[in-house]
PDB file of N, CA and C in Angstrom:
ATOM      1  N   MET A   1      -0.475  11.294 -30.621  1.00  0.00           N
ATOM      2  CA  MET A   1      -0.778  11.941 -29.404  1.00  0.00           C
ATOM      3  C   MET A   1      -1.658  11.160 -28.485  1.00  0.00           C
ATOM      4  N   LYS A   2      -2.657  10.429 -29.076  1.00  0.00           N
ATOM      5  CA  LYS A   2      -3.565   9.626 -28.326  1.00  0.00           C
ATOM      6  C   LYS A   2      -2.801   8.511 -27.649  1.00  0.00           C
ATOM      7  N   ARG A   3      -1.797   7.903 -28.355  1.00  0.00           N
ATOM      8  CA  ARG A   3      -0.941   6.849 -27.820  1.00  0.00           C
ATOM      9  C   ARG A   3      -0.158   7.252 -26.613  1.00  0.00           C
ATOM     10  N   LEU A   4       0.324   8.450 -26.676  1.00  0.00           N
ATOM     11  CA  LEU A   4       1.102   9.042 -25.574  1.00  0.00           C
ATOM     12  C   LEU A   4       0.167   9.255 -24.358  1.00  0.00           C
ATOM     13  N   THR A   5      -0.999   9.759 -24.603  1.00  0.00           N
ATOM     14  CA  THR A   5      -1.925   9.987 -23.537  1.00  0.00           C
ATOM     15  C   THR A   5      -2.363   8.676 -22.830  1.00  0.00           C
ATOM     16  N   LYS A   6      -2.567   7.633 -23.680  1.00  0.00           N
ATOM     17  CA  LYS A   6      -2.893   6.337 -23.082  1.00  0.00           C
ATOM     18  C   LYS A   6      -1.766   5.759 -22.196  1.00  0.00           C
ATOM     19  N   ILE A   7      -0.502   5.902 -22.699  1.00  0.00           N
ATOM     20  CA  ILE A   7       0.645   5.411 -22.062  1.00  0.00           C
ATOM     21  C   ILE A   7       0.758   6.113 -20.695  1.00  0.00           C
ATOM     22  N   LEU A   8       0.679   7.463 -20.744  1.00  0.00           N
ATOM     23  CA  LEU A   8       0.842   8.247 -19.513  1.00  0.00           C
ATOM     24  C   LEU A   8      -0.237   7.952 -18.480  1.00  0.00           C
ATOM     25  N   SER A   9      -1.506   7.758 -18.995  1.00  0.00           N
ATOM     26  CA  SER A   9      -2.573   7.402 -18.038  1.00  0.00           C
ATOM     27  C   SER A   9      -2.402   6.016 -17.414  1.00  0.00           C
ATOM     28  N   LEU A  10      -1.940   5.087 -18.169  1.00  0.00           N
ATOM     29  CA  LEU A  10      -1.651   3.723 -17.670  1.00  0.00           C
ATOM     30  C   LEU A  10      -0.569   3.723 -16.613  1.00  0.00           C
ATOM     31  N   MET A  11       0.471   4.572 -16.920  1.00  0.00           N
ATOM     32  CA  MET A  11       1.597   4.673 -15.946  1.00  0.00           C
ATOM     33  C   MET A  11       1.068   5.357 -14.650  1.00  0.00           C
ATOM     34  N   LEU A  12       0.204   6.308 -14.770  1.00  0.00           N
ATOM     35  CA  LEU A  12      -0.315   7.061 -13.579  1.00  0.00           C
ATOM     36  C   LEU A  12      -1.120   6.084 -12.756  1.00  0.00           C
ATOM     37  N   ILE A  13      -2.031   5.373 -13.375  1.00  0.00           N
ATOM     38  CA  ILE A  13      -2.935   4.474 -12.712  1.00  0.00           C
ATOM     39  C   ILE A  13      -2.183   3.307 -12.038  1.00  0.00           C
ATOM     40  N   SER A  14      -1.140   2.709 -12.696  1.00  0.00           N
ATOM     41  CA  SER A  14      -0.389   1.639 -12.226  1.00  0.00           C
ATOM     42  C   SER A  14       0.454   2.110 -11.085  1.00  0.00           C
ATOM     43  N   SER A  15       1.017   3.310 -11.066  1.00  0.00           N
ATOM     44  CA  SER A  15       1.793   3.801  -9.962  1.00  0.00           C
ATOM     45  C   SER A  15       0.939   4.078  -8.739  1.00  0.00           C
ATOM     46  N   ALA A  16      -0.258   4.541  -8.979  1.00  0.00           N
ATOM     47  CA  ALA A  16      -1.227   4.835  -7.883  1.00  0.00           C
ATOM     48  C   ALA A  16      -1.603   3.521  -7.211  1.00  0.00           C
ATOM     49  N   LEU A  17      -1.827   2.480  -7.987  1.00  0.00           N
ATOM     50  CA  LEU A  17      -2.213   1.161  -7.470  1.00  0.00           C
ATOM     51  C   LEU A  17      -1.048   0.556  -6.673  1.00  0.00           C
ATOM     52  N   LEU A  18       0.152   0.648  -7.201  1.00  0.00           N
ATOM     53  CA  LEU A  18       1.275   0.009  -6.554  1.00  0.00           C
ATOM     54  C   LEU A  18       1.610   0.750  -5.208  1.00  0.00           C
ATOM     55  N   SER A  19       1.486   2.092  -5.184  1.00  0.00           N
ATOM     56  CA  SER A  19       1.693   2.778  -3.925  1.00  0.00           C
ATOM     57  C   SER A  19       0.581   2.501  -2.897  1.00  0.00           C
ATOM     58  N   GLY A  20      -0.585   2.331  -3.427  1.00  0.00           N
ATOM     59  CA  GLY A  20      -1.676   1.993  -2.469  1.00  0.00           C
ATOM     60  C   GLY A  20      -1.470   0.645  -1.864  1.00  0.00           C
ATOM     61  N   CYS A  21      -1.073  -0.326  -2.599  1.00  0.00           N
ATOM     62  CA  CYS A  21      -0.789  -1.649  -2.078  1.00  0.00           C
ATOM     63  C   CYS A  21       0.357  -1.591  -1.022  1.00  0.00           C
ATOM     64  N   ASN A  22       1.332  -0.816  -1.358  1.00  0.00           N
ATOM     65  CA  ASN A  22       2.431  -0.703  -0.416  1.00  0.00           C
ATOM     66  C   ASN A  22       2.016  -0.143   0.876  1.00  0.00           C
ATOM     67  N   THR A  23       1.149   0.902   0.815  1.00  0.00           N
ATOM     68  CA  THR A  23       0.712   1.607   2.077  1.00  0.00           C
ATOM     69  C   THR A  23      -0.178   0.666   2.840  1.00  0.00           C
ATOM     70  N   ALA A  24      -1.108  -0.107   2.169  1.00  0.00           N
ATOM     71  CA  ALA A  24      -1.918  -1.022   2.968  1.00  0.00           C
ATOM     72  C   ALA A  24      -1.169  -2.115   3.597  1.00  0.00           C
ATOM     73  N   ARG A  25      -0.084  -2.562   2.923  1.00  0.00           N
ATOM     74  CA  ARG A  25       0.779  -3.551   3.480  1.00  0.00           C
ATOM     75  C   ARG A  25       1.504  -3.048   4.754  1.00  0.00           C
ATOM     76  N   GLY A  26       1.990  -1.822   4.731  1.00  0.00           N
ATOM     77  CA  GLY A  26       2.668  -1.231   5.819  1.00  0.00           C
ATOM     78  C   GLY A  26       1.725  -1.043   6.966  1.00  0.00           C
ATOM     79  N   MET A  27       0.504  -0.652   6.686  1.00  0.00           N
ATOM     80  CA  MET A  27      -0.490  -0.419   7.773  1.00  0.00           C
ATOM     81  C   MET A  27      -0.820  -1.825   8.388  1.00  0.00           C
ATOM     82  N   GLY A  28      -0.898  -2.848   7.603  1.00  0.00           N
ATOM     83  CA  GLY A  28      -1.213  -4.123   8.191  1.00  0.00           C
ATOM     84  C   GLY A  28      -0.028  -4.635   9.082  1.00  0.00           C
ATOM     85  N   GLU A  29       1.172  -4.387   8.667  1.00  0.00           N
ATOM     86  CA  GLU A  29       2.289  -4.746   9.576  1.00  0.00           C
ATOM     87  C   GLU A  29       2.322  -3.924  10.813  1.00  0.00           C
ATOM     88  N   ASP A  30       1.991  -2.673  10.763  1.00  0.00           N
ATOM     89  CA  ASP A  30       1.828  -1.848  12.009  1.00  0.00           C
ATOM     90  C   ASP A  30       0.749  -2.409  12.964  1.00  0.00           C
ATOM     91  N   ILE A  31      -0.313  -2.757  12.430  1.00  0.00           N
ATOM     92  CA  ILE A  31      -1.422  -3.311  13.269  1.00  0.00           C
ATOM     93  C   ILE A  31      -1.009  -4.636  13.876  1.00  0.00           C
ATOM     94  N   GLN A  32      -0.353  -5.469  13.050  1.00  0.00           N
ATOM     95  CA  GLN A  32       0.141  -6.739  13.521  1.00  0.00           C
ATOM     96  C   GLN A  32       1.186  -6.589  14.718  1.00  0.00           C
ATOM     97  N   SER A  33       2.100  -5.644  14.543  1.00  0.00           N
ATOM     98  CA  SER A  33       3.058  -5.457  15.616  1.00  0.00           C
ATOM     99  C   SER A  33       2.377  -4.881  16.829  1.00  0.00           C
ATOM    100  N   LEU A  34       1.344  -4.014  16.668  1.00  0.00           N
ATOM    101  CA  LEU A  34       0.620  -3.552  17.814  1.00  0.00           C
ATOM    102  C   LEU A  34      -0.130  -4.656  18.511  1.00  0.00           C
ATOM    103  N   GLY A  35      -0.702  -5.567  17.818  1.00  0.00           N
ATOM    104  CA  GLY A  35      -1.344  -6.813  18.397  1.00  0.00           C
ATOM    105  C   GLY A  35      -0.349  -7.606  19.130  1.00  0.00           C
ATOM    106  N   HIS A  36       0.795  -7.799  18.638  1.00  0.00           N
ATOM    107  CA  HIS A  36       1.849  -8.531  19.316  1.00  0.00           C
ATOM    108  C   HIS A  36       2.185  -7.912  20.694  1.00  0.00           C
ATOM    109  N   ALA A  37       2.376  -6.544  20.590  1.00  0.00           N
ATOM    110  CA  ALA A  37       2.738  -5.829  21.792  1.00  0.00           C
ATOM    111  C   ALA A  37       1.661  -5.865  22.850  1.00  0.00           C
ATOM    112  N   ILE A  38       0.439  -5.816  22.482  1.00  0.00           N
ATOM    113  CA  ILE A  38      -0.708  -5.913  23.433  1.00  0.00           C
ATOM    114  C   ILE A  38      -0.770  -7.293  24.056  1.00  0.00           C
ATOM    115  N   SER A  39      -0.576  -8.350  23.213  1.00  0.00           N
ATOM    116  CA  SER A  39      -0.647  -9.699  23.781  1.00  0.00           C
ATOM    117  C   SER A  39       0.500  -9.980  24.747  1.00  0.00           C
ATOM    118  N   HIS A  40       1.662  -9.390  24.431  1.00  0.00           N
ATOM    119  CA  HIS A  40       2.801  -9.567  25.379  1.00  0.00           C
ATOM    120  C   HIS A  40       2.589  -8.785  26.677  1.00  0.00           C
ATOM    121  N   ALA A  41       1.913  -7.662  26.603  1.00  0.00           N
ATOM    122  CA  ALA A  41       1.683  -6.832  27.759  1.00  0.00           C
ATOM    123  C   ALA A  41       0.606  -7.543  28.636  1.00  0.00           C
ATOM    124  N   VAL A  42      -0.368  -8.258  28.079  1.00  0.00           N
ATOM    125  CA  VAL A  42      -1.403  -8.896  28.806  1.00  0.00           C
ATOM    126  C   VAL A  42      -0.860 -10.137  29.478  1.00  0.00           C
ATOM    127  N   SER A  43       0.023 -10.859  28.877  1.00  0.00           N
ATOM    128  CA  SER A  43       0.472 -12.166  29.469  1.00  0.00           C
ATOM    129  C   SER A  43       1.658 -12.025  30.340  1.00  0.00           C
TER     130      SER A  43
END
């Protein structure tokens, strides 16, 4: 029972970390595209 709990908690933590990285990456890409749009509008 303890082994199953450890495995489930590791899976939960790793999925939360992976989804967090994916979200941060997507946000970074959105900010980058916004920066490009602003620089094109100014020039």
